[in-house]
Amino acid sequence: MSIRKRVLFSCGTGIATSTVVSNAVVEAMKERGIEIDARQCKATEVRSELSGIDLVVSTTQLPDDLGVPHITTLAFLTGMGKAEALDRIETELRR
């Protein structure tokens, strides 16, 4: 049985890198039994987009006090540490 989570993906513009990361994470989590409702935004919009969000994945640094788990990673852009990033995301989504 799969679980469904809401994930907010952010980057500097809310368009380019967040799309790359969103597509990679949604597909990888689907294979791990987690369905994701993905939303994207600019890093500056994260606070206003947090309602109902289970996890934020960002390619830029975010404040520590968001009140929602968040992971900042460039692994999906560089390819380095991608498996570890996916494991961290899965762990957060299964909590």
PDB file of N, CA and C in Angstrom:
ATOM      1  N   MET A   1       0.846  -1.178   0.000  1.00  0.00           N
ATOM      2  CA  MET A   1       0.000   0.000   0.000  1.00  0.00           C
ATOM      3  C   MET A   1       0.888   1.238   0.000  1.00  0.00           C
ATOM      4  N   SER A   2       0.619   2.142  -0.914  1.00  0.00           N
ATOM      5  CA  SER A   2       1.441   3.339  -0.985  1.00  0.00           C
ATOM      6  C   SER A   2       0.888   4.422  -0.063  1.00  0.00           C
ATOM      7  N   ILE A   3       1.739   5.334   0.303  1.00  0.00           N
ATOM      8  CA  ILE A   3       1.324   6.483   1.090  1.00  0.00           C
ATOM      9  C   ILE A   3       1.379   7.713   0.191  1.00  0.00           C
ATOM     10  N   ARG A   4       0.628   8.739   0.549  1.00  0.00           N
ATOM     11  CA  ARG A   4       0.596   9.968  -0.248  1.00  0.00           C
ATOM     12  C   ARG A   4       1.066  11.125   0.624  1.00  0.00           C
ATOM     13  N   LYS A   5       2.013  11.901   0.100  1.00  0.00           N
ATOM     14  CA  LYS A   5       2.571  13.045   0.827  1.00  0.00           C
ATOM     15  C   LYS A   5       2.597  14.265  -0.079  1.00  0.00           C
ATOM     16  N   ARG A   6       2.625  15.426   0.560  1.00  0.00           N
ATOM     17  CA  ARG A   6       2.715  16.698  -0.179  1.00  0.00           C
ATOM     18  C   ARG A   6       4.106  17.282   0.015  1.00  0.00           C
ATOM     19  N   VAL A   7       4.791  17.523  -1.091  1.00  0.00           N
ATOM     20  CA  VAL A   7       6.162  18.021  -1.044  1.00  0.00           C
ATOM     21  C   VAL A   7       6.249  19.314  -1.831  1.00  0.00           C
ATOM     22  N   LEU A   8       6.889  20.303  -1.220  1.00  0.00           N
ATOM     23  CA  LEU A   8       7.132  21.588  -1.860  1.00  0.00           C
ATOM     24  C   LEU A   8       8.587  21.618  -2.319  1.00  0.00           C
ATOM     25  N   PHE A   9       8.799  21.853  -3.598  1.00  0.00           N
ATOM     26  CA  PHE A   9      10.145  21.938  -4.162  1.00  0.00           C
ATOM     27  C   PHE A   9      10.433  23.407  -4.440  1.00  0.00           C
ATOM     28  N   SER A  10      11.597  23.867  -3.982  1.00  0.00           N
ATOM     29  CA  SER A  10      11.925  25.272  -4.208  1.00  0.00           C
ATOM     30  C   SER A  10      13.333  25.429  -4.758  1.00  0.00           C
ATOM     31  N   CYS A  11      13.483  26.518  -5.500  1.00  0.00           N
ATOM     32  CA  CYS A  11      14.792  26.932  -6.007  1.00  0.00           C
ATOM     33  C   CYS A  11      14.734  28.450  -6.162  1.00  0.00           C
ATOM     34  N   GLY A  12      15.740  29.024  -6.723  1.00  0.00           N
ATOM     35  CA  GLY A  12      15.800  30.477  -6.832  1.00  0.00           C
ATOM     36  C   GLY A  12      14.658  31.080  -7.624  1.00  0.00           C
ATOM     37  N   THR A  13      14.246  30.426  -8.704  1.00  0.00           N
ATOM     38  CA  THR A  13      13.193  30.970  -9.558  1.00  0.00           C
ATOM     39  C   THR A  13      11.883  30.201  -9.451  1.00  0.00           C
ATOM     40  N   GLY A  14      11.906  29.017  -8.854  1.00  0.00           N
ATOM     41  CA  GLY A  14      10.709  28.191  -8.762  1.00  0.00           C
ATOM     42  C   GLY A  14      10.343  27.533 -10.075  1.00  0.00           C
ATOM     43  N   ILE A  15      11.261  27.540 -11.025  1.00  0.00           N
ATOM     44  CA  ILE A  15      10.965  27.006 -12.354  1.00  0.00           C
ATOM     45  C   ILE A  15      11.962  25.926 -12.773  1.00  0.00           C
ATOM     46  N   ALA A  16      13.215  26.289 -12.863  1.00  0.00           N
ATOM     47  CA  ALA A  16      14.201  25.417 -13.514  1.00  0.00           C
ATOM     48  C   ALA A  16      14.660  24.243 -12.650  1.00  0.00           C
ATOM     49  N   THR A  17      15.489  24.510 -11.665  1.00  0.00           N
ATOM     50  CA  THR A  17      16.053  23.393 -10.903  1.00  0.00           C
ATOM     51  C   THR A  17      15.001  22.693 -10.051  1.00  0.00           C
ATOM     52  N   SER A  18      14.020  23.420  -9.577  1.00  0.00           N
ATOM     53  CA  SER A  18      12.978  22.750  -8.784  1.00  0.00           C
ATOM     54  C   SER A  18      12.190  21.768  -9.653  1.00  0.00           C
ATOM     55  N   THR A  19      12.066  22.040 -10.927  1.00  0.00           N
ATOM     56  CA  THR A  19      11.397  21.106 -11.841  1.00  0.00           C
ATOM     57  C   THR A  19      12.226  19.841 -12.004  1.00  0.00           C
ATOM     58  N   VAL A  20      13.519  19.992 -12.174  1.00  0.00           N
ATOM     59  CA  VAL A  20      14.414  18.841 -12.319  1.00  0.00           C
ATOM     60  C   VAL A  20      14.352  17.971 -11.064  1.00  0.00           C
ATOM     61  N   VAL A  21      14.452  18.610  -9.913  1.00  0.00           N
ATOM     62  CA  VAL A  21      14.440  17.876  -8.649  1.00  0.00           C
ATOM     63  C   VAL A  21      13.063  17.237  -8.422  1.00  0.00           C
ATOM     64  N   SER A  22      12.009  17.977  -8.661  1.00  0.00           N
ATOM     65  CA  SER A  22      10.661  17.447  -8.475  1.00  0.00           C
ATOM     66  C   SER A  22      10.441  16.198  -9.314  1.00  0.00           C
ATOM     67  N   ASN A  23      10.776  16.262 -10.573  1.00  0.00           N
ATOM     68  CA  ASN A  23      10.573  15.102 -11.454  1.00  0.00           C
ATOM     69  C   ASN A  23      11.361  13.890 -10.962  1.00  0.00           C
ATOM     70  N   ALA A  24      12.602  14.105 -10.557  1.00  0.00           N
ATOM     71  CA  ALA A  24      13.445  12.993 -10.092  1.00  0.00           C
ATOM     72  C   ALA A  24      12.905  12.395  -8.794  1.00  0.00           C
ATOM     73  N   VAL A  25      12.502  13.252  -7.870  1.00  0.00           N
ATOM     74  CA  VAL A  25      12.030  12.765  -6.570  1.00  0.00           C
ATOM     75  C   VAL A  25      10.670  12.076  -6.706  1.00  0.00           C
ATOM     76  N   VAL A  26       9.766  12.655  -7.451  1.00  0.00           N
ATOM     77  CA  VAL A  26       8.438  12.045  -7.623  1.00  0.00           C
ATOM     78  C   VAL A  26       8.580  10.642  -8.212  1.00  0.00           C
ATOM     79  N   GLU A  27       9.394  10.501  -9.230  1.00  0.00           N
ATOM     80  CA  GLU A  27       9.580   9.189  -9.866  1.00  0.00           C
ATOM     81  C   GLU A  27      10.244   8.193  -8.917  1.00  0.00           C
ATOM     82  N   ALA A  28      11.284   8.633  -8.224  1.00  0.00           N
ATOM     83  CA  ALA A  28      12.004   7.733  -7.312  1.00  0.00           C
ATOM     84  C   ALA A  28      11.130   7.314  -6.135  1.00  0.00           C
ATOM     85  N   MET A  29      10.344   8.245  -5.607  1.00  0.00           N
ATOM     86  CA  MET A  29       9.496   7.904  -4.464  1.00  0.00           C
ATOM     87  C   MET A  29       8.350   6.989  -4.891  1.00  0.00           C
ATOM     88  N   LYS A  30       7.872   7.148  -6.111  1.00  0.00           N
ATOM     89  CA  LYS A  30       6.828   6.262  -6.625  1.00  0.00           C
ATOM     90  C   LYS A  30       7.321   4.822  -6.621  1.00  0.00           C
ATOM     91  N   GLU A  31       8.575   4.635  -7.010  1.00  0.00           N
ATOM     92  CA  GLU A  31       9.173   3.294  -7.003  1.00  0.00           C
ATOM     93  C   GLU A  31       9.323   2.744  -5.587  1.00  0.00           C
ATOM     94  N   ARG A  32       9.356   3.661  -4.589  1.00  0.00           N
ATOM     95  CA  ARG A  32       9.504   3.254  -3.191  1.00  0.00           C
ATOM     96  C   ARG A  32       8.153   3.199  -2.472  1.00  0.00           C
ATOM     97  N   GLY A  33       7.061   3.348  -3.228  1.00  0.00           N
ATOM     98  CA  GLY A  33       5.732   3.227  -2.640  1.00  0.00           C
ATOM     99  C   GLY A  33       5.190   4.501  -2.018  1.00  0.00           C
ATOM    100  N   ILE A  34       5.731   5.644  -2.391  1.00  0.00           N
ATOM    101  CA  ILE A  34       5.268   6.921  -1.861  1.00  0.00           C
ATOM    102  C   ILE A  34       4.800   7.790  -3.023  1.00  0.00           C
ATOM    103  N   GLU A  35       3.521   8.133  -3.010  1.00  0.00           N
ATOM    104  CA  GLU A  35       2.967   9.031  -4.031  1.00  0.00           C
ATOM    105  C   GLU A  35       3.120  10.467  -3.543  1.00  0.00           C
ATOM    106  N   ILE A  36       3.576  11.331  -4.403  1.00  0.00           N
ATOM    107  CA  ILE A  36       3.832  12.721  -4.013  1.00  0.00           C
ATOM    108  C   ILE A  36       2.940  13.666  -4.800  1.00  0.00           C
ATOM    109  N   ASP A  37       2.284  14.565  -4.057  1.00  0.00           N
ATOM    110  CA  ASP A  37       1.634  15.720  -4.661  1.00  0.00           C
ATOM    111  C   ASP A  37       2.684  16.827  -4.618  1.00  0.00           C
ATOM    112  N   ALA A  38       3.249  17.150  -5.769  1.00  0.00           N
ATOM    113  CA  ALA A  38       4.361  18.099  -5.835  1.00  0.00           C
ATOM    114  C   ALA A  38       3.877  19.503  -6.160  1.00  0.00           C
ATOM    115  N   ARG A  39       4.470  20.465  -5.459  1.00  0.00           N
ATOM    116  CA  ARG A  39       4.263  21.877  -5.770  1.00  0.00           C
ATOM    117  C   ARG A  39       5.631  22.524  -5.864  1.00  0.00           C
ATOM    118  N   GLN A  40       5.733  23.588  -6.593  1.00  0.00           N
ATOM    119  CA  GLN A  40       7.004  24.290  -6.760  1.00  0.00           C
ATOM    120  C   GLN A  40       6.817  25.762  -6.435  1.00  0.00           C
ATOM    121  N   CYS A  41       7.907  26.367  -5.961  1.00  0.00           N
ATOM    122  CA  CYS A  41       7.878  27.805  -5.693  1.00  0.00           C
ATOM    123  C   CYS A  41       9.293  28.340  -5.632  1.00  0.00           C
ATOM    124  N   LYS A  42       9.390  29.671  -5.588  1.00  0.00           N
ATOM    125  CA  LYS A  42      10.671  30.334  -5.377  1.00  0.00           C
ATOM    126  C   LYS A  42      11.050  30.165  -3.906  1.00  0.00           C
ATOM    127  N   ALA A  43      12.340  30.180  -3.626  1.00  0.00           N
ATOM    128  CA  ALA A  43      12.795  30.071  -2.238  1.00  0.00           C
ATOM    129  C   ALA A  43      12.197  31.179  -1.381  1.00  0.00           C
ATOM    130  N   THR A  44      12.006  32.342  -1.945  1.00  0.00           N
ATOM    131  CA  THR A  44      11.449  33.470  -1.184  1.00  0.00           C
ATOM    132  C   THR A  44       9.959  33.293  -0.889  1.00  0.00           C
ATOM    133  N   GLU A  45       9.303  32.357  -1.534  1.00  0.00           N
ATOM    134  CA  GLU A  45       7.876  32.121  -1.340  1.00  0.00           C
ATOM    135  C   GLU A  45       7.580  30.946  -0.404  1.00  0.00           C
ATOM    136  N   VAL A  46       8.621  30.242   0.060  1.00  0.00           N
ATOM    137  CA  VAL A  46       8.417  28.999   0.812  1.00  0.00           C
ATOM    138  C   VAL A  46       7.500  29.205   2.011  1.00  0.00           C
ATOM    139  N   ARG A  47       7.750  30.213   2.825  1.00  0.00           N
ATOM    140  CA  ARG A  47       6.929  30.418   4.041  1.00  0.00           C
ATOM    141  C   ARG A  47       5.440  30.549   3.713  1.00  0.00           C
ATOM    142  N   SER A  48       5.116  31.185   2.625  1.00  0.00           N
ATOM    143  CA  SER A  48       3.702  31.391   2.289  1.00  0.00           C
ATOM    144  C   SER A  48       3.069  30.172   1.620  1.00  0.00           C
ATOM    145  N   GLU A  49       3.870  29.159   1.300  1.00  0.00           N
ATOM    146  CA  GLU A  49       3.373  27.968   0.606  1.00  0.00           C
ATOM    147  C   GLU A  49       3.353  26.720   1.485  1.00  0.00           C
ATOM    148  N   LEU A  50       3.576  26.865   2.786  1.00  0.00           N
ATOM    149  CA  LEU A  50       3.762  25.711   3.664  1.00  0.00           C
ATOM    150  C   LEU A  50       2.481  25.011   4.115  1.00  0.00           C
ATOM    151  N   SER A  51       1.347  25.588   3.913  1.00  0.00           N
ATOM    152  CA  SER A  51       0.108  24.987   4.400  1.00  0.00           C
ATOM    153  C   SER A  51      -0.106  23.587   3.811  1.00  0.00           C
ATOM    154  N   GLY A  52      -0.183  22.597   4.695  1.00  0.00           N
ATOM    155  CA  GLY A  52      -0.448  21.228   4.274  1.00  0.00           C
ATOM    156  C   GLY A  52       0.750  20.485   3.711  1.00  0.00           C
ATOM    157  N   ILE A  53       1.917  21.094   3.764  1.00  0.00           N
ATOM    158  CA  ILE A  53       3.120  20.481   3.197  1.00  0.00           C
ATOM    159  C   ILE A  53       3.779  19.551   4.217  1.00  0.00           C
ATOM    160  N   ASP A  54       4.188  18.362   3.761  1.00  0.00           N
ATOM    161  CA  ASP A  54       4.853  17.392   4.629  1.00  0.00           C
ATOM    162  C   ASP A  54       6.373  17.552   4.620  1.00  0.00           C
ATOM    163  N   LEU A  55       6.920  18.051   3.517  1.00  0.00           N
ATOM    164  CA  LEU A  55       8.375  18.171   3.388  1.00  0.00           C
ATOM    165  C   LEU A  55       8.690  19.228   2.335  1.00  0.00           C
ATOM    166  N   VAL A  56       9.777  19.979   2.583  1.00  0.00           N
ATOM    167  CA  VAL A  56      10.278  20.926   1.588  1.00  0.00           C
ATOM    168  C   VAL A  56      11.634  20.414   1.116  1.00  0.00           C
ATOM    169  N   VAL A  57      11.813  20.339  -0.190  1.00  0.00           N
ATOM    170  CA  VAL A  57      13.112  19.989  -0.783  1.00  0.00           C
ATOM    171  C   VAL A  57      13.554  21.198  -1.591  1.00  0.00           C
ATOM    172  N   SER A  58      14.751  21.694  -1.274  1.00  0.00           N
ATOM    173  CA  SER A  58      15.221  22.927  -1.894  1.00  0.00           C
ATOM    174  C   SER A  58      16.633  22.789  -2.426  1.00  0.00           C
ATOM    175  N   THR A  59      16.925  23.552  -3.458  1.00  0.00           N
ATOM    176  CA  THR A  59      18.302  23.613  -3.973  1.00  0.00           C
ATOM    177  C   THR A  59      19.022  24.841  -3.440  1.00  0.00           C
ATOM    178  N   THR A  60      18.331  25.640  -2.636  1.00  0.00           N
ATOM    179  CA  THR A  60      18.953  26.803  -1.995  1.00  0.00           C
ATOM    180  C   THR A  60      18.703  26.737  -0.495  1.00  0.00           C
ATOM    181  N   GLN A  61      19.558  27.381   0.265  1.00  0.00           N
ATOM    182  CA  GLN A  61      19.429  27.376   1.721  1.00  0.00           C
ATOM    183  C   GLN A  61      18.108  28.022   2.135  1.00  0.00           C
ATOM    184  N   LEU A  62      17.489  27.416   3.151  1.00  0.00           N
ATOM    185  CA  LEU A  62      16.240  27.931   3.697  1.00  0.00           C
ATOM    186  C   LEU A  62      16.427  28.186   5.182  1.00  0.00           C
ATOM    187  N   PRO A  63      15.605  29.041   5.775  1.00  0.00           N
ATOM    188  CA  PRO A  63      15.693  29.259   7.227  1.00  0.00           C
ATOM    189  C   PRO A  63      15.417  27.964   7.981  1.00  0.00           C
ATOM    190  N   ASP A  64      16.033  27.810   9.150  1.00  0.00           N
ATOM    191  CA  ASP A  64      15.847  26.602   9.953  1.00  0.00           C
ATOM    192  C   ASP A  64      14.501  26.561  10.665  1.00  0.00           C
ATOM    193  N   ASP A  65      13.816  27.678  10.767  1.00  0.00           N
ATOM    194  CA  ASP A  65      12.606  27.743  11.583  1.00  0.00           C
ATOM    195  C   ASP A  65      11.318  27.675  10.767  1.00  0.00           C
ATOM    196  N   LEU A  66      11.278  26.859   9.754  1.00  0.00           N
ATOM    197  CA  LEU A  66      10.084  26.771   8.907  1.00  0.00           C
ATOM    198  C   LEU A  66       8.938  26.040   9.594  1.00  0.00           C
ATOM    199  N   GLY A  67       9.261  25.167  10.547  1.00  0.00           N
ATOM    200  CA  GLY A  67       8.218  24.396  11.204  1.00  0.00           C
ATOM    201  C   GLY A  67       7.795  23.172  10.408  1.00  0.00           C
ATOM    202  N   VAL A  68       8.472  22.903   9.313  1.00  0.00           N
ATOM    203  CA  VAL A  68       8.227  21.746   8.454  1.00  0.00           C
ATOM    204  C   VAL A  68       9.593  21.152   8.124  1.00  0.00           C
ATOM    205  N   PRO A  69       9.710  19.825   8.100  1.00  0.00           N
ATOM    206  CA  PRO A  69      11.006  19.255   7.718  1.00  0.00           C
ATOM    207  C   PRO A  69      11.441  19.754   6.337  1.00  0.00           C
ATOM    208  N   HIS A  70      12.723  20.030   6.200  1.00  0.00           N
ATOM    209  CA  HIS A  70      13.222  20.463   4.893  1.00  0.00           C
ATOM    210  C   HIS A  70      14.618  19.917   4.647  1.00  0.00           C
ATOM    211  N   ILE A  71      14.862  19.666   3.390  1.00  0.00           N
ATOM    212  CA  ILE A  71      16.144  19.127   2.951  1.00  0.00           C
ATOM    213  C   ILE A  71      16.664  20.023   1.837  1.00  0.00           C
ATOM    214  N   THR A  72      17.894  20.484   1.990  1.00  0.00           N
ATOM    215  CA  THR A  72      18.542  21.264   0.944  1.00  0.00           C
ATOM    216  C   THR A  72      19.586  20.366   0.288  1.00  0.00           C
ATOM    217  N   THR A  73      19.496  20.226  -1.017  1.00  0.00           N
ATOM    218  CA  THR A  73      20.426  19.349  -1.722  1.00  0.00           C
ATOM    219  C   THR A  73      20.647  19.797  -3.166  1.00  0.00           C
ATOM    220  N   LEU A  74      21.851  19.596  -3.632  1.00  0.00           N
ATOM    221  CA  LEU A  74      22.191  19.812  -5.037  1.00  0.00           C
ATOM    222  C   LEU A  74      22.435  18.474  -5.729  1.00  0.00           C
ATOM    223  N   ALA A  75      22.158  17.376  -5.017  1.00  0.00           N
ATOM    224  CA  ALA A  75      22.467  16.039  -5.525  1.00  0.00           C
ATOM    225  C   ALA A  75      21.788  15.734  -6.855  1.00  0.00           C
ATOM    226  N   PHE A  76      20.599  16.280  -7.078  1.00  0.00           N
ATOM    227  CA  PHE A  76      19.883  15.973  -8.319  1.00  0.00           C
ATOM    228  C   PHE A  76      20.393  16.796  -9.492  1.00  0.00           C
ATOM    229  N   LEU A  77      21.197  17.796  -9.191  1.00  0.00           N
ATOM    230  CA  LEU A  77      21.798  18.613 -10.246  1.00  0.00           C
ATOM    231  C   LEU A  77      23.202  18.140 -10.560  1.00  0.00           C
ATOM    232  N   THR A  78      23.917  17.692  -9.539  1.00  0.00           N
ATOM    233  CA  THR A  78      25.299  17.256  -9.740  1.00  0.00           C
ATOM    234  C   THR A  78      25.415  15.750  -9.904  1.00  0.00           C
ATOM    235  N   GLY A  79      24.446  15.006  -9.394  1.00  0.00           N
ATOM    236  CA  GLY A  79      24.514  13.548  -9.416  1.00  0.00           C
ATOM    237  C   GLY A  79      25.276  12.976  -8.237  1.00  0.00           C
ATOM    238  N   MET A  80      26.008  13.825  -7.530  1.00  0.00           N
ATOM    239  CA  MET A  80      26.791  13.359  -6.380  1.00  0.00           C
ATOM    240  C   MET A  80      25.897  13.298  -5.142  1.00  0.00           C
ATOM    241  N   GLY A  81      25.836  12.108  -4.501  1.00  0.00           N
ATOM    242  CA  GLY A  81      25.045  11.946  -3.297  1.00  0.00           C
ATOM    243  C   GLY A  81      23.550  11.792  -3.554  1.00  0.00           C
ATOM    244  N   LYS A  82      23.177  11.496  -4.778  1.00  0.00           N
ATOM    245  CA  LYS A  82      21.757  11.392  -5.133  1.00  0.00           C
ATOM    246  C   LYS A  82      21.062  10.258  -4.364  1.00  0.00           C
ATOM    247  N   ALA A  83      21.701   9.103  -4.277  1.00  0.00           N
ATOM    248  CA  ALA A  83      21.081   7.974  -3.569  1.00  0.00           C
ATOM    249  C   ALA A  83      20.868   8.311  -2.092  1.00  0.00           C
ATOM    250  N   GLU A  84      21.851   8.970  -1.488  1.00  0.00           N
ATOM    251  CA  GLU A  84      21.725   9.350  -0.083  1.00  0.00           C
ATOM    252  C   GLU A  84      20.609  10.388   0.102  1.00  0.00           C
ATOM    253  N   ALA A  85      20.509  11.321  -0.821  1.00  0.00           N
ATOM    254  CA  ALA A  85      19.448  12.329  -0.750  1.00  0.00           C
ATOM    255  C   ALA A  85      18.075  11.668  -0.860  1.00  0.00           C
ATOM    256  N   LEU A  86      17.931  10.708  -1.753  1.00  0.00           N
ATOM    257  CA  LEU A  86      16.660   9.997  -1.888  1.00  0.00           C
ATOM    258  C   LEU A  86      16.324   9.222  -0.620  1.00  0.00           C
ATOM    259  N   ASP A  87      17.337   8.622   0.002  1.00  0.00           N
ATOM    260  CA  ASP A  87      17.118   7.903   1.264  1.00  0.00           C
ATOM    261  C   ASP A  87      16.645   8.862   2.356  1.00  0.00           C
ATOM    262  N   ARG A  88      17.258  10.047   2.428  1.00  0.00           N
ATOM    263  CA  ARG A  88      16.856  11.045   3.437  1.00  0.00           C
ATOM    264  C   ARG A  88      15.421  11.500   3.194  1.00  0.00           C
ATOM    265  N   ILE A  89      15.082  11.739   1.933  1.00  0.00           N
ATOM    266  CA  ILE A  89      13.726  12.168   1.593  1.00  0.00           C
ATOM    267  C   ILE A  89      12.721  11.083   1.971  1.00  0.00           C
ATOM    268  N   GLU A  90      13.022   9.840   1.629  1.00  0.00           N
ATOM    269  CA  GLU A  90      12.132   8.731   1.973  1.00  0.00           C
ATOM    270  C   GLU A  90      11.947   8.628   3.489  1.00  0.00           C
ATOM    271  N   THR A  91      13.041   8.733   4.224  1.00  0.00           N
ATOM    272  CA  THR A  91      12.964   8.663   5.688  1.00  0.00           C
ATOM    273  C   THR A  91      12.047   9.747   6.236  1.00  0.00           C
ATOM    274  N   GLU A  92      12.202  10.970   5.750  1.00  0.00           N
ATOM    275  CA  GLU A  92      11.346  12.068   6.228  1.00  0.00           C
ATOM    276  C   GLU A  92       9.884  11.830   5.870  1.00  0.00           C
ATOM    277  N   LEU A  93       9.631  11.314   4.686  1.00  0.00           N
ATOM    278  CA  LEU A  93       8.250  11.112   4.245  1.00  0.00           C
ATOM    279  C   LEU A  93       7.571   9.936   4.949  1.00  0.00           C
ATOM    280  N   ARG A  94       8.331   9.008   5.481  1.00  0.00           N
ATOM    281  CA  ARG A  94       7.743   7.855   6.181  1.00  0.00           C
ATOM    282  C   ARG A  94       7.520   8.125   7.670  1.00  0.00           C
ATOM    283  N   ARG A  95       7.937   9.279   8.165  1.00  0.00           N
ATOM    284  CA  ARG A  95       7.745   9.595   9.596  1.00  0.00           C
ATOM    285  C   ARG A  95       6.298   9.871   9.894  1.00  0.00           C
TER     286      ARG A  95
END
